[in-house]
Amino acid sequence: MATVQTLDNIRVSLERYLGKKILLKANKGRKQIVTKKGILEKVYPSVFVVKLDDEGNGYTRVSYSYSDLLTSNVKLQVFKDQNKLHVS
């Protein structure tokens, strides 16, 4: 079981990437995986917010909990510069 300290460690590690461009892969269930590019906008005590690049789907921002990262329902990759991904 994940402890509060584990989730806090995830939050602290995400704070380093505030304002950075990321690639987000989210498992939506039934083998549906959504891949989006965006910017890590905010980090809150329980959730983090990503501002999406593509606004054609009606959503400009999405939020996920740190437990989503812990359970691998959401995966993040950070762009090292504008075009190259840095796996963290």
N, C-alpha and C. Protein backbone atom coordinates (compact mmCIF):
# COMPACT_ATOMS: atom_id res chain seq x y z
N MET A 1 0.84 -1.19 0.00
CA MET A 1 0.00 0.00 0.00
C MET A 1 0.88 1.24 0.00
N ALA A 2 0.49 2.22 -0.76
CA ALA A 2 1.26 3.46 -0.86
C ALA A 2 1.05 4.30 0.39
N THR A 3 2.13 4.83 0.87
CA THR A 3 2.03 5.69 2.04
C THR A 3 1.93 7.13 1.58
N VAL A 4 1.56 7.98 2.51
CA VAL A 4 1.48 9.41 2.22
C VAL A 4 2.86 9.93 1.82
N GLN A 5 3.89 9.40 2.43
CA GLN A 5 5.26 9.83 2.13
C GLN A 5 5.63 9.48 0.68
N THR A 6 5.20 8.33 0.19
CA THR A 6 5.47 7.95 -1.19
C THR A 6 4.80 8.92 -2.16
N LEU A 7 3.56 9.26 -1.90
CA LEU A 7 2.85 10.20 -2.77
C LEU A 7 3.46 11.59 -2.69
N ASP A 8 3.94 11.99 -1.52
CA ASP A 8 4.63 13.27 -1.38
C ASP A 8 5.93 13.29 -2.18
N ASN A 9 6.64 12.16 -2.20
CA ASN A 9 7.87 12.08 -2.99
C ASN A 9 7.58 12.24 -4.48
N ILE A 10 6.49 11.68 -4.95
CA ILE A 10 6.09 11.85 -6.34
C ILE A 10 5.78 13.31 -6.62
N ARG A 11 5.05 13.97 -5.71
CA ARG A 11 4.70 15.38 -5.88
C ARG A 11 5.96 16.25 -5.95
N VAL A 12 6.90 16.00 -5.05
CA VAL A 12 8.14 16.78 -5.01
C VAL A 12 8.94 16.58 -6.30
N SER A 13 8.98 15.35 -6.80
CA SER A 13 9.72 15.12 -8.03
C SER A 13 9.06 15.79 -9.23
N LEU A 14 7.73 15.89 -9.22
CA LEU A 14 7.03 16.58 -10.31
C LEU A 14 7.24 18.09 -10.26
N GLU A 15 7.42 18.64 -9.08
CA GLU A 15 7.61 20.09 -8.95
C GLU A 15 8.82 20.57 -9.73
N ARG A 16 9.81 19.71 -9.92
CA ARG A 16 11.01 20.09 -10.69
C ARG A 16 10.67 20.37 -12.15
N TYR A 17 9.58 19.80 -12.63
CA TYR A 17 9.23 19.91 -14.05
C TYR A 17 8.10 20.90 -14.31
N LEU A 18 7.76 21.74 -13.35
CA LEU A 18 6.72 22.75 -13.57
C LEU A 18 7.10 23.65 -14.75
N GLY A 19 6.16 23.86 -15.65
CA GLY A 19 6.40 24.70 -16.81
C GLY A 19 7.09 23.99 -17.95
N LYS A 20 7.42 22.72 -17.79
CA LYS A 20 8.10 21.96 -18.84
C LYS A 20 7.08 21.24 -19.72
N LYS A 21 7.47 21.02 -20.96
CA LYS A 21 6.63 20.31 -21.90
C LYS A 21 6.74 18.81 -21.62
N ILE A 22 5.59 18.12 -21.60
CA ILE A 22 5.57 16.70 -21.28
C ILE A 22 4.71 15.94 -22.28
N LEU A 23 4.93 14.63 -22.32
CA LEU A 23 4.09 13.71 -23.06
C LEU A 23 3.33 12.89 -22.03
N LEU A 24 2.03 12.89 -22.13
CA LEU A 24 1.15 12.24 -21.15
C LEU A 24 0.48 11.05 -21.81
N LYS A 25 0.59 9.88 -21.19
CA LYS A 25 -0.12 8.69 -21.66
C LYS A 25 -1.03 8.24 -20.53
N ALA A 26 -2.34 8.27 -20.79
CA ALA A 26 -3.32 7.92 -19.77
C ALA A 26 -4.13 6.71 -20.21
N ASN A 27 -4.27 5.75 -19.30
CA ASN A 27 -5.07 4.57 -19.55
C ASN A 27 -6.51 4.89 -19.18
N LYS A 28 -7.38 4.87 -20.18
CA LYS A 28 -8.79 5.21 -19.97
C LYS A 28 -9.66 3.97 -19.78
N GLY A 29 -9.05 2.80 -19.70
CA GLY A 29 -9.82 1.57 -19.50
C GLY A 29 -10.14 0.89 -20.81
N ARG A 30 -10.38 -0.41 -20.74
CA ARG A 30 -10.71 -1.22 -21.91
C ARG A 30 -9.72 -1.02 -23.05
N LYS A 31 -8.46 -1.03 -22.70
CA LYS A 31 -7.35 -0.93 -23.66
C LYS A 31 -7.35 0.38 -24.45
N GLN A 32 -7.92 1.42 -23.89
CA GLN A 32 -7.90 2.74 -24.52
C GLN A 32 -6.82 3.56 -23.85
N ILE A 33 -5.81 3.93 -24.62
CA ILE A 33 -4.73 4.75 -24.10
C ILE A 33 -4.72 6.06 -24.87
N VAL A 34 -4.79 7.16 -24.14
CA VAL A 34 -4.81 8.50 -24.72
C VAL A 34 -3.42 9.10 -24.57
N THR A 35 -2.87 9.61 -25.66
CA THR A 35 -1.55 10.24 -25.64
C THR A 35 -1.70 11.70 -26.02
N LYS A 36 -1.23 12.59 -25.16
CA LYS A 36 -1.34 14.03 -25.39
C LYS A 36 -0.03 14.72 -25.02
N LYS A 37 0.23 15.85 -25.67
CA LYS A 37 1.36 16.70 -25.30
C LYS A 37 0.80 17.91 -24.56
N GLY A 38 1.59 18.39 -23.60
CA GLY A 38 1.15 19.55 -22.86
C GLY A 38 2.25 20.08 -21.97
N ILE A 39 1.88 20.98 -21.08
CA ILE A 39 2.81 21.60 -20.15
C ILE A 39 2.32 21.32 -18.73
N LEU A 40 3.24 20.87 -17.89
CA LEU A 40 2.90 20.66 -16.48
C LEU A 40 2.68 22.02 -15.85
N GLU A 41 1.43 22.33 -15.55
CA GLU A 41 1.06 23.69 -15.16
C GLU A 41 1.07 23.91 -13.65
N LYS A 42 0.43 23.03 -12.89
CA LYS A 42 0.30 23.22 -11.44
C LYS A 42 0.50 21.89 -10.72
N VAL A 43 1.02 21.99 -9.51
CA VAL A 43 1.17 20.83 -8.63
C VAL A 43 0.49 21.18 -7.31
N TYR A 44 -0.54 20.43 -6.98
CA TYR A 44 -1.28 20.64 -5.74
C TYR A 44 -1.00 19.47 -4.79
N PRO A 45 -1.45 19.56 -3.54
CA PRO A 45 -1.18 18.47 -2.59
C PRO A 45 -1.72 17.10 -3.02
N SER A 46 -2.81 17.05 -3.76
CA SER A 46 -3.39 15.75 -4.13
C SER A 46 -3.39 15.48 -5.63
N VAL A 47 -3.30 16.51 -6.45
CA VAL A 47 -3.38 16.34 -7.91
C VAL A 47 -2.37 17.24 -8.61
N PHE A 48 -2.13 16.93 -9.89
CA PHE A 48 -1.33 17.82 -10.74
C PHE A 48 -2.15 18.13 -11.99
N VAL A 49 -1.88 19.30 -12.59
CA VAL A 49 -2.66 19.79 -13.73
C VAL A 49 -1.74 19.94 -14.94
N VAL A 50 -2.21 19.45 -16.09
CA VAL A 50 -1.49 19.55 -17.34
C VAL A 50 -2.32 20.39 -18.30
N LYS A 51 -1.70 21.43 -18.85
CA LYS A 51 -2.35 22.26 -19.87
C LYS A 51 -2.02 21.63 -21.22
N LEU A 52 -3.05 21.19 -21.94
CA LEU A 52 -2.86 20.46 -23.19
C LEU A 52 -2.56 21.39 -24.35
N ASP A 53 -1.72 20.90 -25.28
CA ASP A 53 -1.39 21.66 -26.48
C ASP A 53 -2.55 21.69 -27.46
N ASP A 54 -3.16 20.53 -27.67
CA ASP A 54 -4.25 20.49 -28.66
C ASP A 54 -5.57 20.77 -27.96
N GLU A 55 -6.26 21.76 -28.46
CA GLU A 55 -7.52 22.16 -27.85
C GLU A 55 -8.72 21.71 -28.68
N GLY A 56 -8.48 20.88 -29.68
CA GLY A 56 -9.54 20.43 -30.57
C GLY A 56 -10.53 19.48 -29.92
N ASN A 57 -10.14 18.85 -28.81
CA ASN A 57 -11.02 17.88 -28.18
C ASN A 57 -11.94 18.50 -27.13
N GLY A 58 -11.83 19.80 -26.90
CA GLY A 58 -12.70 20.46 -25.93
C GLY A 58 -12.09 20.63 -24.56
N TYR A 59 -11.01 19.90 -24.27
CA TYR A 59 -10.35 20.03 -22.97
C TYR A 59 -9.08 20.85 -23.13
N THR A 60 -8.92 21.85 -22.29
CA THR A 60 -7.68 22.61 -22.32
C THR A 60 -6.76 22.19 -21.20
N ARG A 61 -7.33 21.66 -20.12
CA ARG A 61 -6.55 21.20 -18.97
C ARG A 61 -7.12 19.89 -18.45
N VAL A 62 -6.21 19.04 -17.98
CA VAL A 62 -6.62 17.79 -17.34
C VAL A 62 -5.87 17.68 -16.02
N SER A 63 -6.47 16.98 -15.07
CA SER A 63 -5.80 16.78 -13.79
C SER A 63 -5.83 15.29 -13.45
N TYR A 64 -4.78 14.86 -12.78
CA TYR A 64 -4.65 13.48 -12.34
C TYR A 64 -4.09 13.47 -10.93
N SER A 65 -4.34 12.40 -10.22
CA SER A 65 -3.80 12.26 -8.87
C SER A 65 -2.43 11.58 -8.94
N TYR A 66 -1.66 11.72 -7.87
CA TYR A 66 -0.34 11.10 -7.82
C TYR A 66 -0.45 9.58 -7.75
N SER A 67 -1.56 9.08 -7.25
CA SER A 67 -1.75 7.63 -7.22
C SER A 67 -1.93 7.08 -8.64
N ASP A 68 -2.40 7.90 -9.58
CA ASP A 68 -2.47 7.48 -10.98
C ASP A 68 -1.08 7.20 -11.53
N LEU A 69 -0.11 8.00 -11.14
CA LEU A 69 1.28 7.75 -11.55
C LEU A 69 1.83 6.51 -10.86
N LEU A 70 1.51 6.36 -9.60
CA LEU A 70 2.01 5.23 -8.82
C LEU A 70 1.49 3.90 -9.36
N THR A 71 0.24 3.87 -9.79
CA THR A 71 -0.37 2.64 -10.30
C THR A 71 -0.17 2.48 -11.81
N SER A 72 0.54 3.39 -12.44
CA SER A 72 0.82 3.36 -13.88
C SER A 72 -0.41 3.53 -14.75
N ASN A 73 -1.47 4.12 -14.21
CA ASN A 73 -2.61 4.50 -15.04
C ASN A 73 -2.26 5.71 -15.89
N VAL A 74 -1.30 6.50 -15.42
CA VAL A 74 -0.80 7.66 -16.15
C VAL A 74 0.71 7.56 -16.18
N LYS A 75 1.28 7.84 -17.35
CA LYS A 75 2.73 7.87 -17.49
C LYS A 75 3.13 9.21 -18.08
N LEU A 76 4.21 9.77 -17.56
CA LEU A 76 4.70 11.06 -18.03
C LEU A 76 6.11 10.91 -18.56
N GLN A 77 6.40 11.62 -19.64
CA GLN A 77 7.75 11.76 -20.13
C GLN A 77 7.99 13.25 -20.34
N VAL A 78 9.15 13.73 -19.91
CA VAL A 78 9.47 15.15 -19.98
C VAL A 78 10.34 15.42 -21.19
N PHE A 79 10.02 16.47 -21.95
CA PHE A 79 10.85 16.87 -23.07
C PHE A 79 12.09 17.56 -22.53
N LYS A 80 13.25 17.10 -22.97
CA LYS A 80 14.52 17.70 -22.55
C LYS A 80 14.63 19.11 -23.11
N ASP A 81 14.34 19.26 -24.40
CA ASP A 81 14.19 20.58 -25.01
C ASP A 81 12.87 20.54 -25.77
N GLN A 82 12.66 21.38 -26.73
CA GLN A 82 11.36 21.47 -27.38
C GLN A 82 10.98 20.21 -28.14
N ASN A 83 11.97 19.44 -28.63
CA ASN A 83 11.64 18.31 -29.51
C ASN A 83 12.07 16.95 -28.99
N LYS A 84 12.96 16.89 -28.01
CA LYS A 84 13.49 15.60 -27.56
C LYS A 84 12.94 15.22 -26.20
N LEU A 85 12.52 13.98 -26.09
CA LEU A 85 11.97 13.46 -24.84
C LEU A 85 13.09 13.03 -23.91
N HIS A 86 12.91 13.28 -22.64
CA HIS A 86 13.80 12.82 -21.58
C HIS A 86 12.99 11.91 -20.70
N VAL A 87 13.36 10.65 -20.63
CA VAL A 87 12.62 9.69 -19.82
C VAL A 87 13.06 9.83 -18.38
N SER A 88 12.08 10.04 -17.48
CA SER A 88 12.41 10.18 -16.06
C SER A 88 11.63 9.20 -15.24
